[in-house]
Amino acid sequence: MWQHWVTVVLGAVFEVSWVVGFKHATTLWEWLITGIAVYLSFYFLIRASRHIPAGTAYAVFVGLGTLGTTSVGMLAFGEPVSLAKLALIGLLLIGIGGLQFTTKGGH
């Protein structure tokens, strides 16, 4: 079952890529890469949801995407960092882990 969670994580990585691409792409090449990332993110999510309940897979996918996008924004693009934001990211991680742990066969 862990392989299916890896597929969700791969989808989330590509989700972060296309979200960053939507904000920062300026050339045709960058937009092409962004489009490929959109396709791959949903490809991996759909593939994982064949083996993991779709709602759980989607919640983990979006949660990891949010975590990744927020982290990239703070680390790479100088977006503000606050204790409240870090605490909420920690809470998000707890929720993602809880969903994985409580899904039948998900650990």
PDB file of N, CA and C in Angstrom:
ATOM      1  N   MET A   1       0.827  -1.201   0.000  1.00  0.00           N
ATOM      2  CA  MET A   1       0.000   0.000   0.000  1.00  0.00           C
ATOM      3  C   MET A   1       0.869   1.261   0.000  1.00  0.00           C
ATOM      4  N   TRP A   2       2.072   1.168   0.551  1.00  0.00           N
ATOM      5  CA  TRP A   2       2.913   2.369   0.635  1.00  0.00           C
ATOM      6  C   TRP A   2       3.225   2.924  -0.745  1.00  0.00           C
ATOM      7  N   GLN A   3       3.279   2.073  -1.767  1.00  0.00           N
ATOM      8  CA  GLN A   3       3.570   2.541  -3.120  1.00  0.00           C
ATOM      9  C   GLN A   3       2.491   3.511  -3.602  1.00  0.00           C
ATOM     10  N   HIS A   4       1.256   3.269  -3.184  1.00  0.00           N
ATOM     11  CA  HIS A   4       0.155   4.136  -3.601  1.00  0.00           C
ATOM     12  C   HIS A   4       0.257   5.508  -2.923  1.00  0.00           C
ATOM     13  N   TRP A   5       0.757   5.517  -1.688  1.00  0.00           N
ATOM     14  CA  TRP A   5       0.978   6.804  -1.012  1.00  0.00           C
ATOM     15  C   TRP A   5       2.128   7.559  -1.680  1.00  0.00           C
ATOM     16  N   VAL A   6       3.130   6.842  -2.128  1.00  0.00           N
ATOM     17  CA  VAL A   6       4.228   7.488  -2.871  1.00  0.00           C
ATOM     18  C   VAL A   6       3.679   8.135  -4.140  1.00  0.00           C
ATOM     19  N   THR A   7       2.715   7.480  -4.770  1.00  0.00           N
ATOM     20  CA  THR A   7       2.092   8.041  -5.970  1.00  0.00           C
ATOM     21  C   THR A   7       1.360   9.337  -5.634  1.00  0.00           C
ATOM     22  N   VAL A   8       0.677   9.378  -4.490  1.00  0.00           N
ATOM     23  CA  VAL A   8       0.015  10.614  -4.051  1.00  0.00           C
ATOM     24  C   VAL A   8       1.051  11.711  -3.829  1.00  0.00           C
ATOM     25  N   VAL A   9       2.158  11.361  -3.185  1.00  0.00           N
ATOM     26  CA  VAL A   9       3.221  12.345  -2.932  1.00  0.00           C
ATOM     27  C   VAL A   9       3.793  12.869  -4.253  1.00  0.00           C
ATOM     28  N   LEU A  10       4.019  11.992  -5.223  1.00  0.00           N
ATOM     29  CA  LEU A  10       4.508  12.439  -6.534  1.00  0.00           C
ATOM     30  C   LEU A  10       3.516  13.414  -7.170  1.00  0.00           C
ATOM     31  N   GLY A  11       2.235  13.100  -7.069  1.00  0.00           N
ATOM     32  CA  GLY A  11       1.221  14.008  -7.587  1.00  0.00           C
ATOM     33  C   GLY A  11       1.284  15.360  -6.911  1.00  0.00           C
ATOM     34  N   ALA A  12       1.482  15.353  -5.601  1.00  0.00           N
ATOM     35  CA  ALA A  12       1.567  16.613  -4.853  1.00  0.00           C
ATOM     36  C   ALA A  12       2.805  17.420  -5.248  1.00  0.00           C
ATOM     37  N   VAL A  13       3.907  16.746  -5.513  1.00  0.00           N
ATOM     38  CA  VAL A  13       5.118  17.445  -5.962  1.00  0.00           C
ATOM     39  C   VAL A  13       4.845  18.169  -7.283  1.00  0.00           C
ATOM     40  N   PHE A  14       4.178  17.483  -8.201  1.00  0.00           N
ATOM     41  CA  PHE A  14       3.850  18.132  -9.470  1.00  0.00           C
ATOM     42  C   PHE A  14       2.789  19.215  -9.286  1.00  0.00           C
ATOM     43  N   GLU A  15       1.923  19.055  -8.282  1.00  0.00           N
ATOM     44  CA  GLU A  15       0.953  20.111  -7.987  1.00  0.00           C
ATOM     45  C   GLU A  15       1.667  21.391  -7.571  1.00  0.00           C
ATOM     46  N   VAL A  16       2.645  21.256  -6.689  1.00  0.00           N
ATOM     47  CA  VAL A  16       3.428  22.430  -6.266  1.00  0.00           C
ATOM     48  C   VAL A  16       4.081  23.075  -7.485  1.00  0.00           C
ATOM     49  N   SER A  17       4.601  22.246  -8.375  1.00  0.00           N
ATOM     50  CA  SER A  17       5.273  22.763  -9.574  1.00  0.00           C
ATOM     51  C   SER A  17       4.337  23.595 -10.434  1.00  0.00           C
ATOM     52  N   TRP A  18       3.107  23.098 -10.658  1.00  0.00           N
ATOM     53  CA  TRP A  18       2.228  23.877 -11.533  1.00  0.00           C
ATOM     54  C   TRP A  18       1.652  25.099 -10.846  1.00  0.00           C
ATOM     55  N   VAL A  19       1.462  25.029  -9.531  1.00  0.00           N
ATOM     56  CA  VAL A  19       0.994  26.227  -8.824  1.00  0.00           C
ATOM     57  C   VAL A  19       2.055  27.326  -8.908  1.00  0.00           C
ATOM     58  N   VAL A  20       3.306  26.963  -8.674  1.00  0.00           N
ATOM     59  CA  VAL A  20       4.402  27.936  -8.797  1.00  0.00           C
ATOM     60  C   VAL A  20       4.503  28.410 -10.246  1.00  0.00           C
ATOM     61  N   GLY A  21       4.333  27.490 -11.193  1.00  0.00           N
ATOM     62  CA  GLY A  21       4.375  27.855 -12.607  1.00  0.00           C
ATOM     63  C   GLY A  21       3.290  28.845 -12.982  1.00  0.00           C
ATOM     64  N   PHE A  22       2.064  28.645 -12.472  1.00  0.00           N
ATOM     65  CA  PHE A  22       0.980  29.583 -12.787  1.00  0.00           C
ATOM     66  C   PHE A  22       1.322  30.991 -12.331  1.00  0.00           C
ATOM     67  N   LYS A  23       2.037  31.101 -11.226  1.00  0.00           N
ATOM     68  CA  LYS A  23       2.373  32.430 -10.705  1.00  0.00           C
ATOM     69  C   LYS A  23       3.586  33.037 -11.402  1.00  0.00           C
ATOM     70  N   HIS A  24       4.558  32.216 -11.776  1.00  0.00           N
ATOM     71  CA  HIS A  24       5.843  32.758 -12.215  1.00  0.00           C
ATOM     72  C   HIS A  24       6.204  32.500 -13.677  1.00  0.00           C
ATOM     73  N   ALA A  25       5.462  31.667 -14.388  1.00  0.00           N
ATOM     74  CA  ALA A  25       5.816  31.367 -15.778  1.00  0.00           C
ATOM     75  C   ALA A  25       5.628  32.605 -16.659  1.00  0.00           C
ATOM     76  N   THR A  26       6.624  32.841 -17.502  1.00  0.00           N
ATOM     77  CA  THR A  26       6.555  33.994 -18.415  1.00  0.00           C
ATOM     78  C   THR A  26       6.881  33.626 -19.862  1.00  0.00           C
ATOM     79  N   THR A  27       7.557  32.516 -20.058  1.00  0.00           N
ATOM     80  CA  THR A  27       7.933  32.125 -21.417  1.00  0.00           C
ATOM     81  C   THR A  27       7.110  30.911 -21.862  1.00  0.00           C
ATOM     82  N   LEU A  28       7.084  30.680 -23.146  1.00  0.00           N
ATOM     83  CA  LEU A  28       6.367  29.532 -23.681  1.00  0.00           C
ATOM     84  C   LEU A  28       6.901  28.239 -23.074  1.00  0.00           C
ATOM     85  N   TRP A  29       8.195  28.115 -22.953  1.00  0.00           N
ATOM     86  CA  TRP A  29       8.824  26.924 -22.375  1.00  0.00           C
ATOM     87  C   TRP A  29       8.355  26.701 -20.930  1.00  0.00           C
ATOM     88  N   GLU A  30       8.323  27.773 -20.127  1.00  0.00           N
ATOM     89  CA  GLU A  30       7.868  27.657 -18.737  1.00  0.00           C
ATOM     90  C   GLU A  30       6.395  27.257 -18.668  1.00  0.00           C
ATOM     91  N   TRP A  31       5.586  27.794 -19.585  1.00  0.00           N
ATOM     92  CA  TRP A  31       4.168  27.427 -19.617  1.00  0.00           C
ATOM     93  C   TRP A  31       3.999  25.974 -20.053  1.00  0.00           C
ATOM     94  N   LEU A  32       4.830  25.504 -20.936  1.00  0.00           N
ATOM     95  CA  LEU A  32       4.777  24.108 -21.364  1.00  0.00           C
ATOM     96  C   LEU A  32       5.102  23.181 -20.190  1.00  0.00           C
ATOM     97  N   ILE A  33       6.127  23.510 -19.456  1.00  0.00           N
ATOM     98  CA  ILE A  33       6.493  22.724 -18.272  1.00  0.00           C
ATOM     99  C   ILE A  33       5.363  22.756 -17.243  1.00  0.00           C
ATOM    100  N   THR A  34       4.742  23.913 -17.077  1.00  0.00           N
ATOM    101  CA  THR A  34       3.617  24.038 -16.148  1.00  0.00           C
ATOM    102  C   THR A  34       2.465  23.135 -16.581  1.00  0.00           C
ATOM    103  N   GLY A  35       2.163  23.116 -17.866  1.00  0.00           N
ATOM    104  CA  GLY A  35       1.098  22.262 -18.380  1.00  0.00           C
ATOM    105  C   GLY A  35       1.383  20.791 -18.172  1.00  0.00           C
ATOM    106  N   ILE A  36       2.621  20.399 -18.380  1.00  0.00           N
ATOM    107  CA  ILE A  36       3.019  19.007 -18.149  1.00  0.00           C
ATOM    108  C   ILE A  36       2.858  18.662 -16.657  1.00  0.00           C
ATOM    109  N   ALA A  37       3.218  19.603 -15.793  1.00  0.00           N
ATOM    110  CA  ALA A  37       3.083  19.376 -14.352  1.00  0.00           C
ATOM    111  C   ALA A  37       1.614  19.211 -13.955  1.00  0.00           C
ATOM    112  N   VAL A  38       0.708  19.984 -14.572  1.00  0.00           N
ATOM    113  CA  VAL A  38      -0.727  19.826 -14.302  1.00  0.00           C
ATOM    114  C   VAL A  38      -1.151  18.407 -14.663  1.00  0.00           C
ATOM    115  N   TYR A  39      -0.790  17.987 -15.862  1.00  0.00           N
ATOM    116  CA  TYR A  39      -1.155  16.647 -16.318  1.00  0.00           C
ATOM    117  C   TYR A  39      -0.623  15.578 -15.363  1.00  0.00           C
ATOM    118  N   LEU A  40       0.671  15.653 -15.017  1.00  0.00           N
ATOM    119  CA  LEU A  40       1.283  14.625 -14.176  1.00  0.00           C
ATOM    120  C   LEU A  40       0.697  14.610 -12.769  1.00  0.00           C
ATOM    121  N   SER A  41       0.383  15.787 -12.225  1.00  0.00           N
ATOM    122  CA  SER A  41      -0.172  15.814 -10.871  1.00  0.00           C
ATOM    123  C   SER A  41      -1.498  15.059 -10.817  1.00  0.00           C
ATOM    124  N   PHE A  42      -2.359  15.301 -11.787  1.00  0.00           N
ATOM    125  CA  PHE A  42      -3.645  14.613 -11.780  1.00  0.00           C
ATOM    126  C   PHE A  42      -3.526  13.157 -12.227  1.00  0.00           C
ATOM    127  N   TYR A  43      -2.582  12.868 -13.083  1.00  0.00           N
ATOM    128  CA  TYR A  43      -2.330  11.473 -13.469  1.00  0.00           C
ATOM    129  C   TYR A  43      -1.989  10.645 -12.233  1.00  0.00           C
ATOM    130  N   PHE A  44      -1.058  11.146 -11.416  1.00  0.00           N
ATOM    131  CA  PHE A  44      -0.655  10.399 -10.229  1.00  0.00           C
ATOM    132  C   PHE A  44      -1.782  10.324  -9.201  1.00  0.00           C
ATOM    133  N   LEU A  45      -2.555  11.395  -9.040  1.00  0.00           N
ATOM    134  CA  LEU A  45      -3.680  11.364  -8.115  1.00  0.00           C
ATOM    135  C   LEU A  45      -4.715  10.328  -8.553  1.00  0.00           C
ATOM    136  N   ILE A  46      -5.068  10.340  -9.823  1.00  0.00           N
ATOM    137  CA  ILE A  46      -6.054   9.382 -10.337  1.00  0.00           C
ATOM    138  C   ILE A  46      -5.545   7.952 -10.184  1.00  0.00           C
ATOM    139  N   ARG A  47      -4.283   7.757 -10.483  1.00  0.00           N
ATOM    140  CA  ARG A  47      -3.691   6.419 -10.351  1.00  0.00           C
ATOM    141  C   ARG A  47      -3.745   5.927  -8.903  1.00  0.00           C
ATOM    142  N   ALA A  48      -3.420   6.811  -7.960  1.00  0.00           N
ATOM    143  CA  ALA A  48      -3.438   6.432  -6.543  1.00  0.00           C
ATOM    144  C   ALA A  48      -4.862   6.164  -6.063  1.00  0.00           C
ATOM    145  N   SER A  49      -5.823   6.940  -6.563  1.00  0.00           N
ATOM    146  CA  SER A  49      -7.189   6.793  -6.074  1.00  0.00           C
ATOM    147  C   SER A  49      -7.854   5.502  -6.551  1.00  0.00           C
ATOM    148  N   ARG A  50      -7.197   4.748  -7.394  1.00  0.00           N
ATOM    149  CA  ARG A  50      -7.690   3.413  -7.750  1.00  0.00           C
ATOM    150  C   ARG A  50      -7.468   2.421  -6.612  1.00  0.00           C
ATOM    151  N   HIS A  51      -6.550   2.764  -5.687  1.00  0.00           N
ATOM    152  CA  HIS A  51      -6.182   1.851  -4.612  1.00  0.00           C
ATOM    153  C   HIS A  51      -6.434   2.421  -3.225  1.00  0.00           C
ATOM    154  N   ILE A  52      -6.540   3.737  -3.129  1.00  0.00           N
ATOM    155  CA  ILE A  52      -6.782   4.434  -1.866  1.00  0.00           C
ATOM    156  C   ILE A  52      -8.133   5.116  -2.032  1.00  0.00           C
ATOM    157  N   PRO A  53      -8.969   5.180  -0.987  1.00  0.00           N
ATOM    158  CA  PRO A  53     -10.237   5.894  -1.142  1.00  0.00           C
ATOM    159  C   PRO A  53     -10.012   7.295  -1.733  1.00  0.00           C
ATOM    160  N   ALA A  54     -10.808   7.646  -2.730  1.00  0.00           N
ATOM    161  CA  ALA A  54     -10.588   8.880  -3.480  1.00  0.00           C
ATOM    162  C   ALA A  54     -10.591  10.115  -2.589  1.00  0.00           C
ATOM    163  N   GLY A  55     -11.509  10.174  -1.637  1.00  0.00           N
ATOM    164  CA  GLY A  55     -11.572  11.343  -0.747  1.00  0.00           C
ATOM    165  C   GLY A  55     -10.320  11.493   0.092  1.00  0.00           C
ATOM    166  N   THR A  56      -9.816  10.378   0.587  1.00  0.00           N
ATOM    167  CA  THR A  56      -8.596  10.401   1.397  1.00  0.00           C
ATOM    168  C   THR A  56      -7.391  10.769   0.533  1.00  0.00           C
ATOM    169  N   ALA A  57      -7.292  10.137  -0.638  1.00  0.00           N
ATOM    170  CA  ALA A  57      -6.173  10.447  -1.533  1.00  0.00           C
ATOM    171  C   ALA A  57      -6.184  11.926  -1.909  1.00  0.00           C
ATOM    172  N   TYR A  58      -7.362  12.460  -2.220  1.00  0.00           N
ATOM    173  CA  TYR A  58      -7.459  13.867  -2.612  1.00  0.00           C
ATOM    174  C   TYR A  58      -7.109  14.790  -1.449  1.00  0.00           C
ATOM    175  N   ALA A  59      -7.596  14.477  -0.246  1.00  0.00           N
ATOM    176  CA  ALA A  59      -7.290  15.317   0.918  1.00  0.00           C
ATOM    177  C   ALA A  59      -5.792  15.348   1.202  1.00  0.00           C
ATOM    178  N   VAL A  60      -5.137  14.207   1.121  1.00  0.00           N
ATOM    179  CA  VAL A  60      -3.684  14.152   1.341  1.00  0.00           C
ATOM    180  C   VAL A  60      -2.962  14.889   0.222  1.00  0.00           C
ATOM    181  N   PHE A  61      -3.384  14.684  -1.012  1.00  0.00           N
ATOM    182  CA  PHE A  61      -2.811  15.364  -2.176  1.00  0.00           C
ATOM    183  C   PHE A  61      -2.877  16.881  -2.011  1.00  0.00           C
ATOM    184  N   VAL A  62      -4.054  17.388  -1.684  1.00  0.00           N
ATOM    185  CA  VAL A  62      -4.230  18.837  -1.530  1.00  0.00           C
ATOM    186  C   VAL A  62      -3.457  19.349  -0.315  1.00  0.00           C
ATOM    187  N   GLY A  63      -3.477  18.573   0.781  1.00  0.00           N
ATOM    188  CA  GLY A  63      -2.740  18.993   1.975  1.00  0.00           C
ATOM    189  C   GLY A  63      -1.240  19.080   1.720  1.00  0.00           C
ATOM    190  N   LEU A  64      -0.691  18.069   1.054  1.00  0.00           N
ATOM    191  CA  LEU A  64       0.733  18.109   0.722  1.00  0.00           C
ATOM    192  C   LEU A  64       1.043  19.217  -0.279  1.00  0.00           C
ATOM    193  N   GLY A  65       0.129  19.432  -1.215  1.00  0.00           N
ATOM    194  CA  GLY A  65       0.306  20.527  -2.172  1.00  0.00           C
ATOM    195  C   GLY A  65       0.316  21.879  -1.477  1.00  0.00           C
ATOM    196  N   THR A  66      -0.587  22.041  -0.521  1.00  0.00           N
ATOM    197  CA  THR A  66      -0.640  23.286   0.255  1.00  0.00           C
ATOM    198  C   THR A  66       0.635  23.465   1.068  1.00  0.00           C
ATOM    199  N   LEU A  67       1.052  22.399   1.714  1.00  0.00           N
ATOM    200  CA  LEU A  67       2.296  22.436   2.491  1.00  0.00           C
ATOM    201  C   LEU A  67       3.481  22.802   1.600  1.00  0.00           C
ATOM    202  N   GLY A  68       3.589  22.131   0.462  1.00  0.00           N
ATOM    203  CA  GLY A  68       4.704  22.390  -0.444  1.00  0.00           C
ATOM    204  C   GLY A  68       4.675  23.790  -1.032  1.00  0.00           C
ATOM    205  N   THR A  69       3.502  24.233  -1.466  1.00  0.00           N
ATOM    206  CA  THR A  69       3.385  25.564  -2.072  1.00  0.00           C
ATOM    207  C   THR A  69       3.692  26.656  -1.052  1.00  0.00           C
ATOM    208  N   THR A  70       3.189  26.489   0.157  1.00  0.00           N
ATOM    209  CA  THR A  70       3.461  27.464   1.212  1.00  0.00           C
ATOM    210  C   THR A  70       4.945  27.487   1.549  1.00  0.00           C
ATOM    211  N   SER A  71       5.549  26.319   1.654  1.00  0.00           N
ATOM    212  CA  SER A  71       6.983  26.236   1.976  1.00  0.00           C
ATOM    213  C   SER A  71       7.845  26.851   0.877  1.00  0.00           C
ATOM    214  N   VAL A  72       7.542  26.532  -0.378  1.00  0.00           N
ATOM    215  CA  VAL A  72       8.298  27.110  -1.496  1.00  0.00           C
ATOM    216  C   VAL A  72       8.140  28.630  -1.503  1.00  0.00           C
ATOM    217  N   GLY A  73       6.926  29.092  -1.249  1.00  0.00           N
ATOM    218  CA  GLY A  73       6.701  30.541  -1.209  1.00  0.00           C
ATOM    219  C   GLY A  73       7.559  31.221  -0.153  1.00  0.00           C
ATOM    220  N   MET A  74       7.631  30.619   1.022  1.00  0.00           N
ATOM    221  CA  MET A  74       8.416  31.224   2.103  1.00  0.00           C
ATOM    222  C   MET A  74       9.916  31.102   1.853  1.00  0.00           C
ATOM    223  N   LEU A  75      10.354  29.923   1.397  1.00  0.00           N
ATOM    224  CA  LEU A  75      11.787  29.674   1.250  1.00  0.00           C
ATOM    225  C   LEU A  75      12.383  30.260  -0.032  1.00  0.00           C
ATOM    226  N   ALA A  76      11.656  30.195  -1.117  1.00  0.00           N
ATOM    227  CA  ALA A  76      12.225  30.607  -2.404  1.00  0.00           C
ATOM    228  C   ALA A  76      11.790  31.999  -2.849  1.00  0.00           C
ATOM    229  N   PHE A  77      10.617  32.442  -2.397  1.00  0.00           N
ATOM    230  CA  PHE A  77      10.090  33.700  -2.921  1.00  0.00           C
ATOM    231  C   PHE A  77       9.886  34.762  -1.846  1.00  0.00           C
ATOM    232  N   GLY A  78      10.399  34.513  -0.649  1.00  0.00           N
ATOM    233  CA  GLY A  78      10.393  35.531   0.399  1.00  0.00           C
ATOM    234  C   GLY A  78       9.027  35.892   0.941  1.00  0.00           C
ATOM    235  N   GLU A  79       8.062  34.979   0.843  1.00  0.00           N
ATOM    236  CA  GLU A  79       6.751  35.258   1.427  1.00  0.00           C
ATOM    237  C   GLU A  79       6.886  35.286   2.945  1.00  0.00           C
ATOM    238  N   PRO A  80       6.038  36.054   3.621  1.00  0.00           N
ATOM    239  CA  PRO A  80       6.174  36.210   5.074  1.00  0.00           C
ATOM    240  C   PRO A  80       6.050  34.888   5.833  1.00  0.00           C
ATOM    241  N   VAL A  81       6.850  34.778   6.885  1.00  0.00           N
ATOM    242  CA  VAL A  81       6.824  33.627   7.784  1.00  0.00           C
ATOM    243  C   VAL A  81       6.335  34.125   9.130  1.00  0.00           C
ATOM    244  N   SER A  82       5.414  33.391   9.732  1.00  0.00           N
ATOM    245  CA  SER A  82       4.950  33.765  11.064  1.00  0.00           C
ATOM    246  C   SER A  82       4.795  32.505  11.902  1.00  0.00           C
ATOM    247  N   LEU A  83       4.766  32.694  13.195  1.00  0.00           N
ATOM    248  CA  LEU A  83       4.590  31.557  14.098  1.00  0.00           C
ATOM    249  C   LEU A  83       3.235  30.908  13.848  1.00  0.00           C
ATOM    250  N   ALA A  84       2.206  31.707  13.614  1.00  0.00           N
ATOM    251  CA  ALA A  84       0.873  31.162  13.348  1.00  0.00           C
ATOM    252  C   ALA A  84       0.881  30.312  12.078  1.00  0.00           C
ATOM    253  N   LYS A  85       1.535  30.793  11.031  1.00  0.00           N
ATOM    254  CA  LYS A  85       1.602  30.042   9.772  1.00  0.00           C
ATOM    255  C   LYS A  85       2.332  28.720   9.984  1.00  0.00           C
ATOM    256  N   LEU A  86       3.427  28.735  10.719  1.00  0.00           N
ATOM    257  CA  LEU A  86       4.179  27.507  10.989  1.00  0.00           C
ATOM    258  C   LEU A  86       3.362  26.531  11.835  1.00  0.00           C
ATOM    259  N   ALA A  87       2.607  27.046  12.801  1.00  0.00           N
ATOM    260  CA  ALA A  87       1.760  26.188  13.632  1.00  0.00           C
ATOM    261  C   ALA A  87       0.660  25.540  12.793  1.00  0.00           C
ATOM    262  N   LEU A  88       0.076  26.293  11.892  1.00  0.00           N
ATOM    263  CA  LEU A  88      -0.976  25.745  11.032  1.00  0.00           C
ATOM    264  C   LEU A  88      -0.421  24.712  10.055  1.00  0.00           C
ATOM    265  N   ILE A  89       0.797  24.934   9.581  1.00  0.00           N
ATOM    266  CA  ILE A  89       1.449  23.931   8.731  1.00  0.00           C
ATOM    267  C   ILE A  89       1.666  22.646   9.534  1.00  0.00           C
ATOM    268  N   GLY A  90       2.085  22.782  10.784  1.00  0.00           N
ATOM    269  CA  GLY A  90       2.238  21.612  11.655  1.00  0.00           C
ATOM    270  C   GLY A  90       0.920  20.882  11.856  1.00  0.00           C
ATOM    271  N   LEU A  91      -0.153  21.618  12.045  1.00  0.00           N
ATOM    272  CA  LEU A  91      -1.471  21.016  12.192  1.00  0.00           C
ATOM    273  C   LEU A  91      -1.885  20.296  10.915  1.00  0.00           C
ATOM    274  N   LEU A  92      -1.568  20.891   9.784  1.00  0.00           N
ATOM    275  CA  LEU A  92      -1.848  20.254   8.493  1.00  0.00           C
ATOM    276  C   LEU A  92      -1.098  18.930   8.369  1.00  0.00           C
ATOM    277  N   LEU A  93       0.158  18.922   8.777  1.00  0.00           N
ATOM    278  CA  LEU A  93       0.943  17.670   8.742  1.00  0.00           C
ATOM    279  C   LEU A  93       0.332  16.586   9.627  1.00  0.00           C
ATOM    280  N   ILE A  94      -0.161  16.990  10.794  1.00  0.00           N
ATOM    281  CA  ILE A  94      -0.808  16.028  11.687  1.00  0.00           C
ATOM    282  C   ILE A  94      -2.058  15.452  11.010  1.00  0.00           C
ATOM    283  N   GLY A  95      -2.831  16.303  10.361  1.00  0.00           N
ATOM    284  CA  GLY A  95      -4.027  15.842   9.665  1.00  0.00           C
ATOM    285  C   GLY A  95      -3.703  14.900   8.519  1.00  0.00           C
ATOM    286  N   ILE A  96      -2.682  15.234   7.747  1.00  0.00           N
ATOM    287  CA  ILE A  96      -2.274  14.374   6.629  1.00  0.00           C
ATOM    288  C   ILE A  96      -1.823  13.011   7.158  1.00  0.00           C
ATOM    289  N   GLY A  97      -0.997  13.026   8.180  1.00  0.00           N
ATOM    290  CA  GLY A  97      -0.530  11.772   8.771  1.00  0.00           C
ATOM    291  C   GLY A  97      -1.679  10.963   9.347  1.00  0.00           C
ATOM    292  N   GLY A  98      -2.626  11.640   9.986  1.00  0.00           N
ATOM    293  CA  GLY A  98      -3.784  10.955  10.546  1.00  0.00           C
ATOM    294  C   GLY A  98      -4.622  10.290   9.473  1.00  0.00           C
ATOM    295  N   LEU A  99      -4.840  10.965   8.361  1.00  0.00           N
ATOM    296  CA  LEU A  99      -5.599  10.369   7.266  1.00  0.00           C
ATOM    297  C   LEU A  99      -4.890   9.136   6.712  1.00  0.00           C
ATOM    298  N   GLN A 100      -3.596   9.230   6.557  1.00  0.00           N
ATOM    299  CA  GLN A 100      -2.849   8.078   6.049  1.00  0.00           C
ATOM    300  C   GLN A 100      -2.908   6.916   7.034  1.00  0.00           C
ATOM    301  N   PHE A 101      -2.755   7.229   8.300  1.00  0.00           N
ATOM    302  CA  PHE A 101      -2.706   6.177   9.314  1.00  0.00           C
ATOM    303  C   PHE A 101      -4.056   5.493   9.490  1.00  0.00           C
ATOM    304  N   THR A 102      -5.137   6.236   9.377  1.00  0.00           N
ATOM    305  CA  THR A 102      -6.460   5.673   9.632  1.00  0.00           C
ATOM    306  C   THR A 102      -7.111   5.072   8.386  1.00  0.00           C
ATOM    307  N   THR A 103      -6.488   5.212   7.234  1.00  0.00           N
ATOM    308  CA  THR A 103      -7.022   4.589   6.023  1.00  0.00           C
ATOM    309  C   THR A 103      -6.664   3.118   6.031  1.00  0.00           C
ATOM    310  N   LYS A 104      -7.650   2.269   5.788  1.00  0.00           N
ATOM    311  CA  LYS A 104      -7.431   0.818   5.797  1.00  0.00           C
ATOM    312  C   LYS A 104      -6.264   0.453   4.901  1.00  0.00           C
ATOM    313  N   GLY A 105      -5.239  -0.145   5.489  1.00  0.00           N
ATOM    314  CA  GLY A 105      -4.067  -0.558   4.727  1.00  0.00           C
ATOM    315  C   GLY A 105      -3.167   0.604   4.361  1.00  0.00           C
ATOM    316  N   GLY A 106      -3.420   1.795   4.901  1.00  0.00           N
ATOM    317  CA  GLY A 106      -2.676   2.980   4.486  1.00  0.00           C
ATOM    318  C   GLY A 106      -1.382   3.207   5.215  1.00  0.00           C
ATOM    319  N   HIS A 107      -0.963   2.296   6.048  1.00  0.00           N
ATOM    320  CA  HIS A 107       0.300   2.464   6.770  1.00  0.00           C
ATOM    321  C   HIS A 107       1.145   1.227   6.688  1.00  0.00           C
TER     322      HIS A 107
END
